[in-house]
Amino acid sequence: PRESVLEENESQTESMMFAEEVLRYTSAAILTGFCVELTMLMTAFGWKFFFHPGYVLDLIIVPTSLALELKVSEAAGFLVILRMWRFLRISHGVYELVHDSAEKKEKRIEKTGQLQ
């Protein structure tokens, strides 16, 4: 009975290691996609790219995350913090966009109401 428990634990450990490896490569692929996106943005915007703080922040976070993901898998905590920062920045941008759109719509409604 004890041997079957040990074999089961080894099987679970192997499965976990495989899942970790798959997730690591998936993360690296996603980060590579972000690097390609940054390269395209730099090409499209030229020097203007460097005057946008969000793009500059991404230029620091994304390659750093990719390097850490490929070289130092123990830095997972640091990567999580960097990725959460990126997520929060994107979420805030979406909120601002929706809020600005709602304000513009409200102003248009007020303006048309005043004309009548």
N, C-alpha and C. Protein backbone atom coordinates (compact mmCIF):
# COMPACT_ATOMS: atom_id res chain seq x y z
N PRO A 1 0.82 -1.20 0.00
CA PRO A 1 0.00 0.00 0.00
C PRO A 1 0.87 1.27 0.00
N ARG A 2 1.94 1.29 0.78
CA ARG A 2 2.80 2.47 0.85
C ARG A 2 3.47 2.74 -0.49
N GLU A 3 3.85 1.68 -1.20
CA GLU A 3 4.50 1.83 -2.50
C GLU A 3 3.55 2.46 -3.52
N SER A 4 2.26 2.08 -3.47
CA SER A 4 1.29 2.65 -4.42
C SER A 4 1.08 4.14 -4.16
N VAL A 5 1.15 4.56 -2.89
CA VAL A 5 1.03 5.98 -2.55
C VAL A 5 2.23 6.74 -3.09
N LEU A 6 3.43 6.17 -2.95
CA LEU A 6 4.63 6.80 -3.46
C LEU A 6 4.59 6.92 -4.98
N GLU A 7 4.12 5.85 -5.65
CA GLU A 7 4.00 5.88 -7.10
C GLU A 7 3.00 6.94 -7.54
N GLU A 8 1.89 7.05 -6.80
CA GLU A 8 0.87 8.05 -7.12
C GLU A 8 1.44 9.46 -6.95
N ASN A 9 2.21 9.67 -5.88
CA ASN A 9 2.82 10.98 -5.64
C ASN A 9 3.83 11.31 -6.74
N GLU A 10 4.60 10.33 -7.19
CA GLU A 10 5.55 10.57 -8.27
C GLU A 10 4.82 10.93 -9.56
N SER A 11 3.71 10.26 -9.81
CA SER A 11 2.92 10.54 -11.01
C SER A 11 2.36 11.96 -10.96
N GLN A 12 1.87 12.37 -9.78
CA GLN A 12 1.34 13.73 -9.62
C GLN A 12 2.45 14.76 -9.78
N THR A 13 3.62 14.44 -9.25
CA THR A 13 4.76 15.35 -9.36
C THR A 13 5.16 15.52 -10.82
N GLU A 14 5.19 14.43 -11.57
CA GLU A 14 5.52 14.51 -12.99
C GLU A 14 4.48 15.33 -13.75
N SER A 15 3.20 15.13 -13.41
CA SER A 15 2.13 15.90 -14.06
C SER A 15 2.26 17.38 -13.75
N MET A 16 2.59 17.70 -12.51
CA MET A 16 2.76 19.10 -12.12
C MET A 16 3.95 19.72 -12.84
N MET A 17 5.03 18.98 -12.95
CA MET A 17 6.21 19.49 -13.64
C MET A 17 5.90 19.73 -15.12
N PHE A 18 5.14 18.83 -15.72
CA PHE A 18 4.75 18.99 -17.13
C PHE A 18 3.86 20.22 -17.29
N ALA A 19 2.88 20.37 -16.40
CA ALA A 19 1.98 21.53 -16.46
C ALA A 19 2.76 22.83 -16.27
N GLU A 20 3.70 22.83 -15.35
CA GLU A 20 4.53 24.01 -15.12
C GLU A 20 5.32 24.37 -16.37
N GLU A 21 5.86 23.37 -17.03
CA GLU A 21 6.64 23.61 -18.25
C GLU A 21 5.77 24.16 -19.37
N VAL A 22 4.57 23.59 -19.52
CA VAL A 22 3.63 24.07 -20.55
C VAL A 22 3.26 25.53 -20.27
N LEU A 23 2.96 25.85 -19.01
CA LEU A 23 2.59 27.21 -18.66
C LEU A 23 3.76 28.17 -18.86
N ARG A 24 4.95 27.70 -18.58
CA ARG A 24 6.14 28.54 -18.78
C ARG A 24 6.32 28.90 -20.25
N TYR A 25 6.19 27.91 -21.12
CA TYR A 25 6.31 28.17 -22.56
C TYR A 25 5.16 29.03 -23.08
N THR A 26 3.97 28.81 -22.55
CA THR A 26 2.82 29.64 -22.94
C THR A 26 3.07 31.09 -22.55
N SER A 27 3.54 31.29 -21.34
CA SER A 27 3.85 32.64 -20.86
C SER A 27 4.92 33.29 -21.73
N ALA A 28 5.95 32.53 -22.07
CA ALA A 28 7.02 33.05 -22.92
C ALA A 28 6.48 33.42 -24.31
N ALA A 29 5.58 32.61 -24.83
CA ALA A 29 4.99 32.91 -26.14
C ALA A 29 4.16 34.19 -26.10
N ILE A 30 3.39 34.37 -25.04
CA ILE A 30 2.58 35.58 -24.89
C ILE A 30 3.49 36.80 -24.77
N LEU A 31 4.51 36.69 -23.96
CA LEU A 31 5.44 37.82 -23.78
C LEU A 31 6.18 38.12 -25.09
N THR A 32 6.48 37.09 -25.86
CA THR A 32 7.11 37.31 -27.17
C THR A 32 6.16 38.08 -28.08
N GLY A 33 4.89 37.75 -28.02
CA GLY A 33 3.89 38.49 -28.78
C GLY A 33 3.85 39.96 -28.38
N PHE A 34 3.94 40.22 -27.08
CA PHE A 34 3.98 41.61 -26.61
C PHE A 34 5.24 42.32 -27.11
N CYS A 35 6.35 41.60 -27.16
CA CYS A 35 7.60 42.19 -27.68
C CYS A 35 7.45 42.55 -29.16
N VAL A 36 6.80 41.68 -29.91
CA VAL A 36 6.55 41.97 -31.32
C VAL A 36 5.65 43.19 -31.45
N GLU A 37 4.62 43.27 -30.61
CA GLU A 37 3.72 44.42 -30.62
C GLU A 37 4.49 45.71 -30.33
N LEU A 38 5.37 45.68 -29.33
CA LEU A 38 6.16 46.86 -28.99
C LEU A 38 7.06 47.27 -30.16
N THR A 39 7.65 46.28 -30.83
CA THR A 39 8.49 46.57 -31.99
C THR A 39 7.68 47.24 -33.09
N MET A 40 6.48 46.75 -33.33
CA MET A 40 5.62 47.34 -34.36
C MET A 40 5.20 48.77 -33.97
N LEU A 41 4.91 48.97 -32.68
CA LEU A 41 4.54 50.31 -32.22
C LEU A 41 5.72 51.28 -32.38
N MET A 42 6.92 50.82 -32.05
CA MET A 42 8.10 51.68 -32.22
C MET A 42 8.30 52.04 -33.69
N THR A 43 8.10 51.05 -34.55
CA THR A 43 8.24 51.30 -35.98
C THR A 43 7.18 52.28 -36.47
N ALA A 44 5.95 52.11 -36.01
CA ALA A 44 4.86 52.95 -36.47
C ALA A 44 4.97 54.39 -35.95
N PHE A 45 5.32 54.54 -34.67
CA PHE A 45 5.32 55.87 -34.06
C PHE A 45 6.67 56.57 -34.11
N GLY A 46 7.73 55.84 -34.39
CA GLY A 46 9.06 56.45 -34.40
C GLY A 46 9.41 57.00 -33.02
N TRP A 47 9.99 58.20 -33.00
CA TRP A 47 10.43 58.80 -31.73
C TRP A 47 9.26 59.16 -30.82
N LYS A 48 8.06 59.34 -31.37
CA LYS A 48 6.89 59.66 -30.55
C LYS A 48 6.59 58.54 -29.55
N PHE A 49 7.00 57.33 -29.90
CA PHE A 49 6.80 56.17 -29.01
C PHE A 49 7.38 56.45 -27.63
N PHE A 50 8.55 57.06 -27.59
CA PHE A 50 9.27 57.26 -26.33
C PHE A 50 8.70 58.40 -25.49
N PHE A 51 7.76 59.16 -26.04
CA PHE A 51 7.12 60.23 -25.28
C PHE A 51 5.81 59.78 -24.64
N HIS A 52 5.43 58.52 -24.84
CA HIS A 52 4.23 57.96 -24.24
C HIS A 52 4.66 57.11 -23.04
N PRO A 53 4.38 57.57 -21.82
CA PRO A 53 4.87 56.85 -20.62
C PRO A 53 4.43 55.38 -20.55
N GLY A 54 3.22 55.08 -21.00
CA GLY A 54 2.75 53.69 -20.95
C GLY A 54 3.58 52.77 -21.84
N TYR A 55 3.91 53.26 -23.03
CA TYR A 55 4.73 52.45 -23.94
C TYR A 55 6.13 52.24 -23.37
N VAL A 56 6.69 53.29 -22.78
CA VAL A 56 8.03 53.18 -22.19
C VAL A 56 8.00 52.18 -21.03
N LEU A 57 6.95 52.25 -20.22
CA LEU A 57 6.81 51.30 -19.11
C LEU A 57 6.73 49.87 -19.65
N ASP A 58 5.94 49.66 -20.69
CA ASP A 58 5.85 48.33 -21.31
C ASP A 58 7.19 47.90 -21.87
N LEU A 59 7.94 48.86 -22.42
CA LEU A 59 9.25 48.55 -22.99
C LEU A 59 10.22 48.06 -21.91
N ILE A 60 10.00 48.46 -20.68
CA ILE A 60 10.82 47.99 -19.57
C ILE A 60 10.28 46.66 -19.03
N ILE A 61 8.97 46.60 -18.81
CA ILE A 61 8.37 45.44 -18.15
C ILE A 61 8.38 44.19 -19.02
N VAL A 62 7.95 44.32 -20.26
CA VAL A 62 7.76 43.12 -21.10
C VAL A 62 9.08 42.39 -21.38
N PRO A 63 10.13 43.06 -21.89
CA PRO A 63 11.38 42.31 -22.11
C PRO A 63 12.00 41.79 -20.81
N THR A 64 11.86 42.56 -19.73
CA THR A 64 12.38 42.09 -18.44
C THR A 64 11.65 40.83 -18.01
N SER A 65 10.33 40.83 -18.15
CA SER A 65 9.53 39.64 -17.80
C SER A 65 9.93 38.45 -18.66
N LEU A 66 10.13 38.69 -19.94
CA LEU A 66 10.52 37.60 -20.84
C LEU A 66 11.89 37.05 -20.45
N ALA A 67 12.83 37.93 -20.18
CA ALA A 67 14.17 37.48 -19.78
C ALA A 67 14.12 36.68 -18.49
N LEU A 68 13.35 37.17 -17.52
CA LEU A 68 13.24 36.46 -16.25
C LEU A 68 12.52 35.12 -16.44
N GLU A 69 11.52 35.11 -17.29
CA GLU A 69 10.78 33.87 -17.55
C GLU A 69 11.69 32.81 -18.17
N LEU A 70 12.55 33.25 -19.07
CA LEU A 70 13.42 32.29 -19.76
C LEU A 70 14.63 31.88 -18.93
N LYS A 71 15.13 32.79 -18.10
CA LYS A 71 16.38 32.51 -17.38
C LYS A 71 16.18 32.15 -15.91
N VAL A 72 15.29 32.84 -15.25
CA VAL A 72 15.16 32.68 -13.80
C VAL A 72 13.71 32.41 -13.45
N SER A 73 13.31 31.18 -13.46
CA SER A 73 11.92 30.86 -13.16
C SER A 73 11.58 31.09 -11.68
N GLU A 74 12.60 31.22 -10.83
CA GLU A 74 12.35 31.47 -9.40
C GLU A 74 11.88 32.90 -9.13
N ALA A 75 11.98 33.75 -10.12
CA ALA A 75 11.58 35.15 -9.94
C ALA A 75 10.09 35.34 -10.20
N ALA A 76 9.31 34.31 -9.97
CA ALA A 76 7.88 34.35 -10.30
C ALA A 76 7.15 35.46 -9.56
N GLY A 77 7.50 35.71 -8.31
CA GLY A 77 6.83 36.77 -7.55
C GLY A 77 7.03 38.13 -8.19
N PHE A 78 8.24 38.39 -8.63
CA PHE A 78 8.54 39.65 -9.30
C PHE A 78 7.76 39.77 -10.60
N LEU A 79 7.68 38.68 -11.35
CA LEU A 79 6.94 38.68 -12.60
C LEU A 79 5.46 38.95 -12.36
N VAL A 80 4.91 38.37 -11.32
CA VAL A 80 3.49 38.58 -11.01
C VAL A 80 3.24 40.05 -10.72
N ILE A 81 4.12 40.69 -9.98
CA ILE A 81 3.96 42.11 -9.67
C ILE A 81 4.02 42.94 -10.95
N LEU A 82 4.99 42.67 -11.82
CA LEU A 82 5.10 43.41 -13.07
C LEU A 82 3.87 43.21 -13.95
N ARG A 83 3.38 42.00 -14.02
CA ARG A 83 2.21 41.72 -14.86
C ARG A 83 0.95 42.34 -14.28
N MET A 84 0.83 42.32 -12.96
CA MET A 84 -0.33 42.97 -12.33
C MET A 84 -0.31 44.46 -12.61
N TRP A 85 0.87 45.07 -12.57
CA TRP A 85 0.97 46.49 -12.87
C TRP A 85 0.49 46.74 -14.30
N ARG A 86 0.90 45.92 -15.22
CA ARG A 86 0.47 46.07 -16.62
C ARG A 86 -1.04 45.90 -16.72
N PHE A 87 -1.59 44.90 -16.05
CA PHE A 87 -3.04 44.67 -16.07
C PHE A 87 -3.78 45.88 -15.50
N LEU A 88 -3.29 46.40 -14.38
CA LEU A 88 -3.94 47.57 -13.77
C LEU A 88 -3.87 48.78 -14.69
N ARG A 89 -2.75 48.95 -15.36
CA ARG A 89 -2.60 50.09 -16.27
C ARG A 89 -3.57 49.97 -17.44
N ILE A 90 -3.70 48.78 -17.99
CA ILE A 90 -4.63 48.57 -19.09
C ILE A 90 -6.07 48.76 -18.62
N SER A 91 -6.40 48.23 -17.44
CA SER A 91 -7.74 48.39 -16.89
C SER A 91 -8.07 49.85 -16.69
N HIS A 92 -7.12 50.61 -16.16
CA HIS A 92 -7.34 52.03 -15.95
C HIS A 92 -7.56 52.74 -17.28
N GLY A 93 -6.81 52.37 -18.29
CA GLY A 93 -6.98 52.96 -19.62
C GLY A 93 -8.36 52.69 -20.18
N VAL A 94 -8.85 51.47 -20.02
CA VAL A 94 -10.19 51.13 -20.49
C VAL A 94 -11.24 51.94 -19.72
N TYR A 95 -11.07 52.05 -18.41
CA TYR A 95 -12.00 52.84 -17.60
C TYR A 95 -12.03 54.29 -18.06
N GLU A 96 -10.86 54.87 -18.29
CA GLU A 96 -10.78 56.27 -18.73
C GLU A 96 -11.47 56.44 -20.09
N LEU A 97 -11.27 55.50 -20.98
CA LEU A 97 -11.88 55.56 -22.30
C LEU A 97 -13.40 55.54 -22.19
N VAL A 98 -13.92 54.62 -21.40
CA VAL A 98 -15.37 54.51 -21.22
C VAL A 98 -15.91 55.76 -20.54
N HIS A 99 -15.22 56.23 -19.53
CA HIS A 99 -15.66 57.43 -18.80
C HIS A 99 -15.67 58.64 -19.71
N ASP A 100 -14.62 58.84 -20.50
CA ASP A 100 -14.56 59.97 -21.43
C ASP A 100 -15.67 59.89 -22.47
N SER A 101 -15.92 58.69 -22.96
CA SER A 101 -16.98 58.49 -23.96
C SER A 101 -18.34 58.84 -23.36
N ALA A 102 -18.57 58.42 -22.13
CA ALA A 102 -19.85 58.73 -21.47
C ALA A 102 -20.01 60.24 -21.26
N GLU A 103 -18.93 60.90 -20.88
CA GLU A 103 -18.98 62.35 -20.68
C GLU A 103 -19.29 63.08 -21.98
N LYS A 104 -18.66 62.67 -23.06
CA LYS A 104 -18.91 63.29 -24.37
C LYS A 104 -20.36 63.09 -24.79
N LYS A 105 -20.86 61.89 -24.56
CA LYS A 105 -22.25 61.60 -24.92
C LYS A 105 -23.19 62.46 -24.09
N GLU A 106 -22.91 62.61 -22.82
CA GLU A 106 -23.73 63.43 -21.93
C GLU A 106 -23.72 64.89 -22.37
N LYS A 107 -22.56 65.39 -22.75
CA LYS A 107 -22.46 66.78 -23.22
C LYS A 107 -23.25 66.98 -24.51
N ARG A 108 -23.20 65.99 -25.41
CA ARG A 108 -23.97 66.08 -26.65
C ARG A 108 -25.46 66.12 -26.37
N ILE A 109 -25.89 65.31 -25.42
CA ILE A 109 -27.31 65.28 -25.04
C ILE A 109 -27.72 66.63 -24.45
N GLU A 110 -26.89 67.16 -23.56
CA GLU A 110 -27.18 68.47 -22.96
C GLU A 110 -27.23 69.55 -24.03
N LYS A 111 -26.28 69.51 -24.96
CA LYS A 111 -26.21 70.51 -26.02
C LYS A 111 -27.45 70.47 -26.91
N THR A 112 -27.88 69.28 -27.30
CA THR A 112 -29.06 69.17 -28.14
C THR A 112 -30.32 69.54 -27.37
N GLY A 113 -30.34 69.31 -26.07
CA GLY A 113 -31.47 69.68 -25.24
C GLY A 113 -31.59 71.20 -25.11
N GLN A 114 -30.46 71.90 -25.09
CA GLN A 114 -30.46 73.35 -24.97
C GLN A 114 -30.89 74.01 -26.27
N LEU A 115 -30.64 73.33 -27.40
CA LEU A 115 -31.00 73.92 -28.69
C LEU A 115 -32.50 73.91 -28.93
N GLN A 116 -33.21 73.01 -28.31
CA GLN A 116 -34.65 72.88 -28.56
C GLN A 116 -35.48 73.82 -27.75
